[in-house]
Protein backbone atom coordinates (compact mmCIF):
# COMPACT_ATOMS: atom_id res chain seq x y z
CA MET A 1 -26.14 -29.83 57.27
CA LYS A 2 -26.10 -30.97 53.62
CA LYS A 3 -24.29 -34.19 54.64
CA ILE A 4 -26.96 -34.85 57.29
CA ILE A 5 -29.79 -34.36 54.83
CA ALA A 6 -28.10 -36.57 52.32
CA LEU A 7 -27.54 -39.32 54.96
CA LEU A 8 -31.23 -39.13 55.94
CA LEU A 9 -32.25 -39.48 52.33
CA VAL A 10 -30.08 -42.54 51.93
CA LEU A 11 -31.44 -44.04 55.13
CA THR A 12 -35.05 -43.36 54.03
CA MET A 13 -34.49 -44.86 50.64
CA GLY A 14 -32.93 -47.91 52.14
CA LEU A 15 -35.89 -48.40 54.55
CA SER A 16 -38.37 -47.99 51.64
CA LEU A 17 -36.66 -50.52 49.54
CA THR A 18 -36.53 -53.02 52.40
CA ALA A 19 -40.23 -52.54 53.15
CA CYS A 20 -41.26 -52.90 49.53
CA GLY A 21 -39.06 -55.88 48.57
CA GLY A 22 -38.51 -57.93 51.83
CA ASN A 23 -40.92 -60.72 50.99
CA LYS A 24 -39.95 -61.13 47.34
CA ASP A 25 -37.45 -63.37 45.65
CA ASP A 26 -34.39 -61.20 44.96
CA SER A 27 -33.84 -62.91 41.59
CA ASN A 28 -37.22 -61.56 40.31
CA ASP A 29 -36.24 -57.98 41.23
CA THR A 30 -32.93 -57.86 39.38
CA PRO A 31 -33.25 -56.69 35.77
CA ASN A 32 -31.21 -58.71 33.25
CA ASP A 33 -28.80 -57.06 30.79
CA SER A 34 -31.45 -56.86 28.07
CA GLN A 35 -33.87 -55.08 30.40
CA LYS A 36 -31.12 -52.64 31.56
CA SER A 37 -30.23 -51.81 27.94
CA THR A 38 -33.88 -51.17 27.01
CA SER A 39 -34.45 -49.07 30.12
CA LYS A 40 -31.48 -46.87 29.36
CA LYS A 41 -32.44 -46.57 25.72
CA ASP A 42 -36.00 -45.47 26.51
CA GLU A 43 -35.01 -43.01 29.18
CA LYS A 44 -35.87 -39.39 28.15
CA ILE A 45 -34.31 -36.10 29.16
CA GLU A 46 -36.81 -34.10 31.19
CA ILE A 47 -37.09 -30.35 30.81
CA ARG A 48 -39.20 -28.75 33.55
CA LEU A 49 -40.79 -25.31 33.04
CA LEU A 50 -42.18 -23.03 35.78
CA THR A 51 -43.49 -19.82 34.21
CA ARG A 52 -46.66 -17.74 34.48
CA MET A 53 -47.85 -19.00 31.04
CA ALA A 54 -50.84 -20.91 32.25
CA GLY A 55 -54.58 -20.80 31.50
CA THR A 56 -56.60 -20.55 28.35
CA SER A 57 -55.43 -17.20 26.83
CA THR A 58 -54.19 -16.98 23.30
CA GLN A 59 -50.60 -16.37 24.31
CA VAL A 60 -50.61 -19.44 26.44
CA GLY A 61 -51.88 -21.48 23.45
CA ILE A 62 -48.89 -20.21 21.43
CA PHE A 63 -46.55 -21.14 24.28
CA LYS A 64 -47.90 -24.68 24.34
CA ASP A 65 -47.65 -24.94 20.55
CA ILE A 66 -43.96 -24.11 20.69
CA ILE A 67 -43.36 -26.75 23.31
CA LYS A 68 -45.14 -29.38 21.17
CA GLU A 69 -43.04 -28.34 18.19
CA PHE A 70 -39.88 -28.75 20.22
CA GLU A 71 -40.89 -32.21 21.48
CA ALA A 72 -41.71 -33.27 17.98
CA LYS A 73 -38.09 -32.43 16.96
CA HIS A 74 -36.62 -34.44 19.79
CA SER A 75 -37.92 -37.92 20.57
CA ASP A 76 -35.54 -38.26 23.49
CA VAL A 77 -37.02 -35.23 25.33
CA VAL A 78 -40.13 -34.74 27.54
CA VAL A 79 -41.19 -31.31 28.55
CA VAL A 80 -42.95 -31.06 31.96
CA ASP A 81 -44.82 -27.78 32.14
CA GLU A 82 -45.64 -26.83 35.71
CA SER A 83 -46.47 -23.24 34.95
CA GLN A 84 -48.89 -21.37 37.31
CA GLY A 85 -51.12 -18.53 36.27
CA ASP A 86 -51.90 -17.54 39.86
CA GLU A 87 -49.16 -15.40 41.40
CA SER A 88 -49.45 -16.91 44.86
CA SER A 89 -49.46 -20.47 43.57
CA PHE A 90 -46.43 -19.69 41.37
CA ASN A 91 -44.43 -18.18 44.26
CA ASN A 92 -45.20 -21.13 46.53
CA LYS A 93 -44.17 -23.61 43.85
CA LEU A 94 -40.88 -21.73 43.16
CA LYS A 95 -40.06 -21.51 46.90
CA ALA A 96 -40.70 -25.23 47.38
CA ASP A 97 -38.47 -26.09 44.36
CA ILE A 98 -35.67 -23.87 45.62
CA ALA A 99 -35.91 -25.34 49.18
CA SER A 100 -35.87 -28.94 47.85
CA GLY A 101 -32.97 -28.32 45.37
CA THR A 102 -35.22 -29.21 42.41
CA LEU A 103 -35.21 -25.93 40.49
CA PRO A 104 -36.81 -26.24 37.05
CA ASN A 105 -34.79 -25.90 33.80
CA ILE A 106 -36.60 -22.62 32.87
CA PHE A 107 -38.22 -20.45 35.46
CA ARG A 108 -38.68 -16.81 36.39
CA ILE A 109 -38.01 -14.47 39.23
CA GLN A 110 -39.60 -11.08 38.83
CA GLY A 111 -37.38 -8.03 39.35
CA VAL A 112 -33.64 -8.03 39.94
CA ALA A 113 -33.17 -6.89 43.55
CA ASN A 114 -32.17 -10.21 45.05
CA LEU A 115 -30.77 -11.98 41.95
CA GLY A 116 -27.33 -11.68 43.39
CA ASP A 117 -28.09 -14.41 45.96
CA TYR A 118 -29.19 -16.75 43.13
CA ILE A 119 -26.20 -15.86 40.98
CA GLU A 120 -23.70 -16.50 43.85
CA ASN A 121 -25.24 -19.89 44.51
CA GLY A 122 -25.06 -20.88 40.83
CA LEU A 123 -28.79 -21.20 40.51
CA ILE A 124 -29.12 -18.80 37.52
CA MET A 125 -27.21 -19.30 34.27
CA ASN A 126 -25.21 -16.43 32.80
CA MET A 127 -26.69 -16.29 29.27
CA ASP A 128 -23.84 -14.37 27.61
CA SER A 129 -22.25 -17.43 26.01
CA ALA A 130 -25.60 -18.47 24.52
CA LEU A 131 -26.19 -14.91 23.31
CA GLU A 132 -22.76 -14.65 21.79
CA ALA A 133 -23.03 -18.10 20.14
CA ASP A 134 -26.15 -17.10 18.19
CA PRO A 135 -26.03 -13.43 17.08
CA GLU A 136 -29.04 -13.78 14.78
CA TRP A 137 -31.20 -14.57 17.82
CA SER A 138 -29.44 -12.31 20.38
CA GLN A 139 -29.16 -9.20 18.22
CA GLY A 140 -32.86 -9.20 17.63
CA PHE A 141 -33.66 -8.28 21.19
CA THR A 142 -34.13 -4.63 22.15
CA GLU A 143 -31.07 -3.21 23.92
CA GLY A 144 -32.87 -2.19 27.03
CA ALA A 145 -34.55 -5.47 27.58
CA LEU A 146 -31.27 -7.44 27.79
CA LYS A 147 -29.62 -4.66 29.82
CA TYR A 148 -32.30 -4.97 32.47
CA TYR A 149 -30.95 -8.37 33.50
CA GLN A 150 -27.39 -7.21 33.75
CA VAL A 151 -27.15 -7.16 37.61
CA PRO A 152 -24.89 -4.57 39.30
CA GLY A 153 -21.82 -6.26 40.73
CA TYR A 154 -21.98 -9.34 38.50
CA GLU A 155 -20.71 -9.84 34.98
CA GLY A 156 -23.18 -11.28 32.59
CA THR A 157 -26.85 -11.36 31.53
CA TYR A 158 -28.98 -13.46 33.85
CA ALA A 159 -32.33 -13.79 31.93
CA ILE A 160 -33.86 -13.63 28.52
CA PRO A 161 -36.77 -11.21 28.36
CA MET A 162 -39.98 -12.91 27.17
CA GLU A 163 -42.45 -10.03 27.53
CA SER A 164 -42.22 -6.22 27.53
CA GLY A 165 -44.25 -3.30 26.72
CA LEU A 166 -44.02 0.49 27.14
CA ILE A 167 -45.83 2.00 30.08
CA GLY A 168 -46.50 5.16 28.20
CA VAL A 169 -48.80 8.14 28.04
CA PHE A 170 -52.10 7.38 26.18
CA TYR A 171 -53.71 10.61 25.20
CA ASN A 172 -56.90 11.86 23.50
CA GLU A 173 -55.92 13.72 20.41
CA ALA A 174 -59.42 15.28 20.02
CA LEU A 175 -59.11 16.96 23.49
CA PHE A 176 -55.61 18.16 22.64
CA LYS A 177 -56.91 19.86 19.44
CA LYS A 178 -59.80 21.39 21.46
CA ALA A 179 -57.21 22.93 23.77
CA ASN A 180 -55.13 24.17 20.76
CA ILE A 181 -52.30 21.69 21.44
CA ASP A 182 -50.84 20.85 18.06
CA LYS A 183 -48.87 17.78 19.11
CA PHE A 184 -48.04 15.67 22.06
CA PRO A 185 -45.52 17.38 24.37
CA GLU A 186 -42.04 15.84 23.91
CA THR A 187 -40.37 17.80 26.74
CA TRP A 188 -41.19 18.68 30.36
CA SER A 189 -41.63 22.36 29.55
CA GLU A 190 -44.06 21.49 26.73
CA LEU A 191 -45.91 19.13 29.17
CA LYS A 192 -46.44 22.00 31.64
CA SER A 193 -47.71 24.28 28.87
CA ALA A 194 -50.20 21.55 27.70
CA ILE A 195 -51.43 21.05 31.27
CA GLU A 196 -52.22 24.81 31.52
CA LYS A 197 -54.09 24.73 28.16
CA LEU A 198 -56.16 21.65 29.16
CA ASN A 199 -57.08 23.16 32.55
CA ALA A 200 -58.24 26.30 30.63
CA ILE A 201 -60.95 24.24 28.85
CA ASN A 202 -61.92 22.37 32.16
CA VAL A 203 -60.44 19.06 31.06
CA THR A 204 -58.40 17.07 33.58
CA PRO A 205 -54.88 16.97 32.15
CA ILE A 206 -53.75 13.59 33.59
CA ALA A 207 -56.06 10.82 34.82
CA LEU A 208 -54.35 9.64 38.00
CA GLY A 209 -55.90 7.99 40.93
CA ALA A 210 -53.52 7.78 43.94
CA LYS A 211 -55.78 5.75 46.17
CA THR A 212 -54.49 2.87 44.06
CA THR A 213 -50.88 3.88 44.94
CA TYR A 214 -49.21 2.14 42.02
CA MET A 215 -50.41 4.98 39.71
CA ALA A 216 -48.52 7.62 41.68
CA GLY A 217 -45.57 5.25 41.78
CA HIS A 218 -45.57 4.80 38.03
CA LEU A 219 -45.66 8.62 37.59
CA HIS A 220 -42.58 9.00 39.68
CA ASP A 221 -40.83 6.07 37.93
CA GLN A 222 -41.27 7.83 34.57
CA ILE A 223 -39.94 11.06 35.96
CA PHE A 224 -37.01 9.37 37.70
CA TYR A 225 -35.83 7.59 34.54
CA LYS A 226 -36.10 10.70 32.42
CA TRP A 227 -34.13 12.73 34.94
CA MET A 228 -31.55 10.18 36.11
CA GLY A 229 -31.71 7.18 33.76
CA THR A 230 -32.62 3.58 34.58
CA ASP A 231 -29.15 2.70 35.84
CA ALA A 232 -29.68 5.19 38.75
CA ALA A 233 -32.39 2.95 40.07
CA LYS A 234 -29.77 0.16 40.28
CA GLU A 235 -27.47 2.53 42.16
CA LEU A 236 -30.25 3.25 44.69
CA GLY A 237 -30.85 -0.46 45.25
CA ALA A 238 -27.04 -1.00 45.73
CA ARG A 239 -26.99 1.90 48.30
CA ASN A 240 -24.59 3.94 46.10
CA LEU A 241 -27.24 6.63 46.02
CA LYS A 242 -29.65 7.80 48.75
CA TRP A 243 -33.16 9.00 48.44
CA THR A 244 -32.14 12.22 50.18
CA ASP A 245 -29.47 13.02 47.57
CA GLU A 246 -30.26 16.24 45.70
CA ASP A 247 -30.92 14.70 42.31
CA VAL A 248 -33.31 12.06 43.75
CA VAL A 249 -35.22 14.65 45.79
CA GLU A 250 -35.64 16.66 42.56
CA THR A 251 -37.48 13.73 40.95
CA LEU A 252 -39.99 13.85 43.84
CA GLY A 253 -40.14 17.61 43.41
CA PHE A 254 -41.32 17.22 39.81
CA VAL A 255 -44.23 15.01 40.96
CA LYS A 256 -45.21 17.84 43.45
CA GLU A 257 -44.85 20.44 40.68
CA LEU A 258 -47.45 18.58 38.54
CA TYR A 259 -49.77 18.44 41.53
CA ASP A 260 -49.40 22.15 42.18
CA LEU A 261 -50.18 22.73 38.39
CA LYS A 262 -53.52 20.94 38.97
CA ALA A 263 -52.46 18.19 36.51
CA PHE A 264 -54.61 15.57 38.30
CA PRO A 265 -58.31 15.27 39.28
CA GLU A 266 -59.40 17.12 42.41
CA GLY A 267 -59.02 14.86 45.43
CA VAL A 268 -56.48 12.73 43.59
CA ALA A 269 -55.30 10.99 46.82
CA GLY A 270 -58.72 9.39 47.38
CA ILE A 271 -59.52 8.27 43.77
CA SER A 272 -58.99 4.70 42.54
CA ASP A 273 -57.47 3.57 39.19
CA ASP A 274 -60.74 2.27 37.77
CA ILE A 275 -62.44 5.67 38.28
CA VAL A 276 -59.77 7.63 36.48
CA LEU A 277 -59.57 5.09 33.60
CA THR A 278 -63.38 5.60 33.16
CA GLN A 279 -62.77 9.39 33.17
CA PHE A 280 -60.21 9.00 30.38
CA LEU A 281 -62.45 6.71 28.31
CA LYS A 282 -65.35 9.19 28.66
CA GLY A 283 -63.17 12.11 27.41
CA GLU A 284 -63.12 13.83 30.80
CA ALA A 285 -59.32 13.56 31.02
CA ALA A 286 -56.77 14.05 28.25
CA MET A 287 -54.00 11.71 29.34
CA ILE A 288 -53.40 8.53 31.33
CA ILE A 289 -50.18 6.65 32.25
CA THR A 290 -50.80 2.99 31.69
CA GLY A 291 -49.48 -0.08 29.87
CA PRO A 292 -50.37 -2.54 27.14
CA TRP A 293 -52.79 -4.39 29.38
CA ASN A 294 -55.42 -1.65 28.75
CA ILE A 295 -55.12 -1.61 24.99
CA GLY A 296 -58.22 -3.87 24.73
CA LYS A 297 -60.34 -1.21 26.48
CA LEU A 298 -58.78 1.71 24.64
CA THR A 299 -59.56 0.18 21.24
CA ASN A 300 -63.08 -1.12 22.06
CA PRO A 301 -65.93 1.08 20.70
CA GLU A 302 -68.18 -0.26 23.44
CA GLU A 303 -65.82 1.18 26.04
CA THR A 304 -65.07 4.59 24.50
CA GLU A 305 -66.34 6.80 21.70
CA PHE A 306 -62.79 8.08 21.26
CA VAL A 307 -61.32 4.89 19.74
CA ASN A 308 -59.87 6.74 16.76
CA ASP A 309 -58.62 9.63 18.89
CA ILE A 310 -56.52 7.71 21.47
CA LYS A 311 -52.87 7.76 20.71
CA VAL A 312 -49.73 6.77 22.62
CA ALA A 313 -46.42 8.54 23.31
CA LYS A 314 -43.41 8.25 25.59
CA PHE A 315 -43.36 10.31 28.76
CA PRO A 316 -41.81 13.69 28.00
CA TYR A 317 -38.12 14.04 28.64
CA PHE A 318 -36.40 16.97 30.41
CA ASP A 319 -35.04 19.70 28.18
CA GLU A 320 -31.69 19.68 30.01
CA LYS A 321 -31.43 15.82 30.05
CA PRO A 322 -31.79 14.71 26.38
CA GLU A 323 -29.40 11.76 27.05
CA PHE A 324 -32.25 10.10 28.94
CA LYS A 325 -34.92 10.58 26.33
CA ASP A 326 -35.10 6.86 25.58
CA GLN A 327 -34.75 5.65 29.24
CA ASP A 328 -38.26 4.24 29.65
CA MET A 329 -40.55 2.46 32.02
CA GLN A 330 -41.65 -0.86 30.63
CA ILE A 331 -43.13 -4.07 31.91
CA VAL A 332 -40.38 -6.68 31.65
CA SER A 333 -40.73 -10.40 32.36
CA PRO A 334 -38.06 -13.05 32.05
CA TYR A 335 -37.11 -16.61 31.39
CA MET A 336 -34.24 -17.75 33.51
CA VAL A 337 -32.21 -20.91 33.12
CA ASN A 338 -31.07 -23.23 35.90
CA GLY A 339 -27.34 -22.61 36.39
CA LYS A 340 -26.75 -26.29 37.38
CA LEU A 341 -27.56 -27.76 33.99
CA GLU A 342 -25.00 -29.74 32.00
CA GLY A 343 -24.51 -31.63 28.81
CA LYS A 344 -27.43 -32.52 26.57
CA GLU A 345 -29.95 -31.28 29.09
CA LYS A 346 -28.39 -27.81 29.03
CA GLU A 347 -28.23 -27.88 25.21
CA TYR A 348 -31.85 -28.78 24.82
CA THR A 349 -33.03 -26.29 27.47
CA ILE A 350 -31.28 -23.40 25.61
CA GLU A 351 -32.70 -24.58 22.30
CA LEU A 352 -36.23 -24.53 23.78
CA LEU A 353 -35.61 -21.11 25.29
CA LYS A 354 -34.49 -19.76 21.89
CA MET A 355 -37.61 -21.12 20.23
CA LEU A 356 -39.84 -19.49 22.88
CA THR A 357 -38.23 -16.09 22.30
CA SER A 358 -37.43 -16.20 18.52
CA ALA A 359 -38.52 -13.71 15.99
CA ASP A 360 -41.02 -16.18 14.61
CA ALA A 361 -42.55 -16.67 18.11
CA ALA A 362 -42.58 -12.94 18.65
CA LYS A 363 -44.47 -12.41 15.37
CA ARG A 364 -47.14 -15.00 16.42
CA TYR A 365 -47.47 -13.52 19.86
CA ALA A 366 -47.95 -10.04 18.39
CA GLU A 367 -50.36 -10.90 15.60
CA GLU A 368 -52.50 -13.47 17.42
CA ALA A 369 -52.43 -12.27 21.05
CA GLN A 370 -51.22 -8.57 20.97
CA PHE A 371 -48.49 -9.80 23.32
CA ILE A 372 -45.01 -8.11 23.05
CA VAL A 373 -41.79 -10.04 23.07
CA PRO A 374 -39.07 -7.40 23.14
CA ARG A 375 -37.54 -7.90 19.74
CA LYS A 376 -36.81 -5.33 17.04
CA ASP A 377 -36.53 -7.86 14.08
CA ILE A 378 -40.12 -8.83 13.63
CA ASP A 379 -42.24 -7.95 10.60
CA ILE A 380 -45.80 -7.51 11.92
CA ASP A 381 -48.74 -7.76 9.52
CA GLU A 382 -50.44 -4.56 10.74
CA SER A 383 -53.80 -5.67 9.37
CA LYS A 384 -53.94 -8.24 12.16
CA VAL A 385 -53.46 -5.84 15.08
CA SER A 386 -54.83 -2.43 16.14
CA THR A 387 -52.97 0.69 15.20
CA LEU A 388 -52.50 1.50 18.89
CA PHE A 389 -50.86 -1.89 19.56
CA THR A 390 -48.51 -1.29 16.55
CA ASP A 391 -47.57 2.12 17.96
CA VAL A 392 -46.82 0.70 21.40
CA LEU A 393 -44.76 -2.05 19.82
CA LYS A 394 -42.71 0.38 17.79
CA LEU A 395 -42.16 2.72 20.74
CA SER A 396 -41.21 -0.20 22.97
CA GLY A 397 -38.38 -1.14 20.56
CA THR A 398 -36.76 2.27 20.89
CA SER A 399 -35.86 2.03 24.58
CA ALA A 400 -32.11 2.25 25.14
CA GLY A 401 -32.68 1.61 28.83
CA MET A 402 -35.76 0.15 30.50
CA ALA A 403 -36.91 -0.74 33.98
CA VAL A 404 -40.19 -1.42 35.83
CA ASP A 405 -40.51 0.25 39.29
CA VAL A 406 -37.57 2.03 40.91
CA PHE A 407 -38.02 -0.26 44.03
CA ASP A 408 -37.53 -3.32 41.79
CA TYR A 409 -33.81 -2.98 42.38
CA ASP A 410 -34.13 -2.66 46.15
CA PRO A 411 -33.59 -5.72 48.39
CA LEU A 412 -36.12 -4.45 50.91
CA ALA A 413 -39.59 -5.85 50.08
CA SER A 414 -41.18 -3.03 52.17
CA MET A 415 -39.91 -0.44 49.68
CA GLN A 416 -42.87 -1.01 47.36
CA ASP A 417 -45.35 0.34 49.86
CA ARG A 418 -42.96 2.89 51.41
CA THR A 419 -42.03 4.62 48.17
CA ARG A 420 -45.57 4.71 46.81
CA ASN A 421 -47.14 5.91 50.09
CA SER A 422 -44.55 8.69 50.48
CA ILE A 423 -45.22 9.86 46.95
CA VAL A 424 -48.95 9.95 47.64
CA GLY A 425 -48.15 11.85 50.82
CA MET A 426 -47.11 14.83 48.71
CA PHE A 427 -50.71 15.06 47.47
CA VAL A 428 -51.92 15.70 51.04
CA GLY A 429 -49.36 18.25 52.09
CA ASN A 430 -45.93 16.68 52.50
CA THR A 431 -42.90 18.20 50.85
CA PRO A 432 -40.53 16.31 48.48
CA GLU A 433 -37.87 16.56 51.18
CA GLN A 434 -40.23 14.93 53.75
CA ALA A 435 -41.10 12.20 51.24
CA ALA A 436 -37.41 11.49 50.53
CA GLN A 437 -36.63 11.34 54.27
CA GLU A 438 -39.48 8.89 54.89
CA ILE A 439 -38.19 6.61 52.20
CA GLN A 440 -34.53 6.80 53.26
CA SER A 441 -35.54 6.09 56.83
CA GLU A 442 -36.99 2.87 55.80
CA ILE A 443 -33.59 1.85 54.51
CA ASP A 444 -31.51 3.37 57.38
CA LYS A 445 -33.54 1.65 60.12
């Protein structure tokens, strides 16, 4: 098939050249030696980028500044930035590039479920050699961020993380004090005790709206990683574990246990995420599980009177599973490098990638845009950011293992809706065993 396509391309090019040049004097179309030399000398190495860094935000401005700085260093390079802010436009562009065999130098594929196909076809570069060659750069990344892109069944690291941020528990310290809770609960047993005390003063313990099903999914993700670790999600995706296995069913059981303890608002299955966020901002709920994207609202006096009371912590770990204390849910986004690159083009691409993810870049992103690059070697001027952002940044850097959603590792696209809907089903009468069987049936069929 490839030979046929190549032949068609050759024939098409031949026809085009004939049509364009048939009425001209051939001697006028042939460049002399001087012209050939000048053309070759002026030819620049092109580095194409396809990321989600597009638009007018502060972080996009920093991204573009770094590209300009790189181009200024190398007069023989031109960077073509084709990044798309809109998810649909980005996906369509990436699909078209893959289909046409014109994959950009630096691009991104979210999640890791289907990276094996790209790795086997040599489309994604193993970054281990680049990481080993520059320990000052590589050792600055948080352990969990790099580990996320170590794909089961394949040796190597197949992306460089360019954004992360703890999806943690933001809580209202004033309400905790009112309920006689001295500190945020570090363990599952302490969390259950705190829920009982908050219910006693008629405060909703956890603002969760399961009509927007991702919130229920994120709750289960947190529990799953604290009970089984982030690597267990990879084992589910690789079919080495089943949702009906005892340990996995237990993670669903813990979600149901919180529901039975009245941890969530009444009618949780029919409430949307914007409603419960408002409840938290108004002081009607004591905790909410969310990510860095809401820091702006949580630190804005016009949004909440509790600006100085809102703190952040990791989701509590299980007393009997302390080894998973720092296995955390985070947002993680990558830069990936085209595996077909060679020579100077490869060298320049890796240099640009390192500039985009350096400690200096991370410092700018944090101080100017409150955007987290997962590095532990940056010295933030805390006067330039909110205390809440600083706390999220510090906690994010302590993750020994990190992952986004459990289904991120599953090759079935339908697992996003299936897992989340089955978890919500436990809020309307289903048992953990029924939820597990529903999810496993999606795989088995």
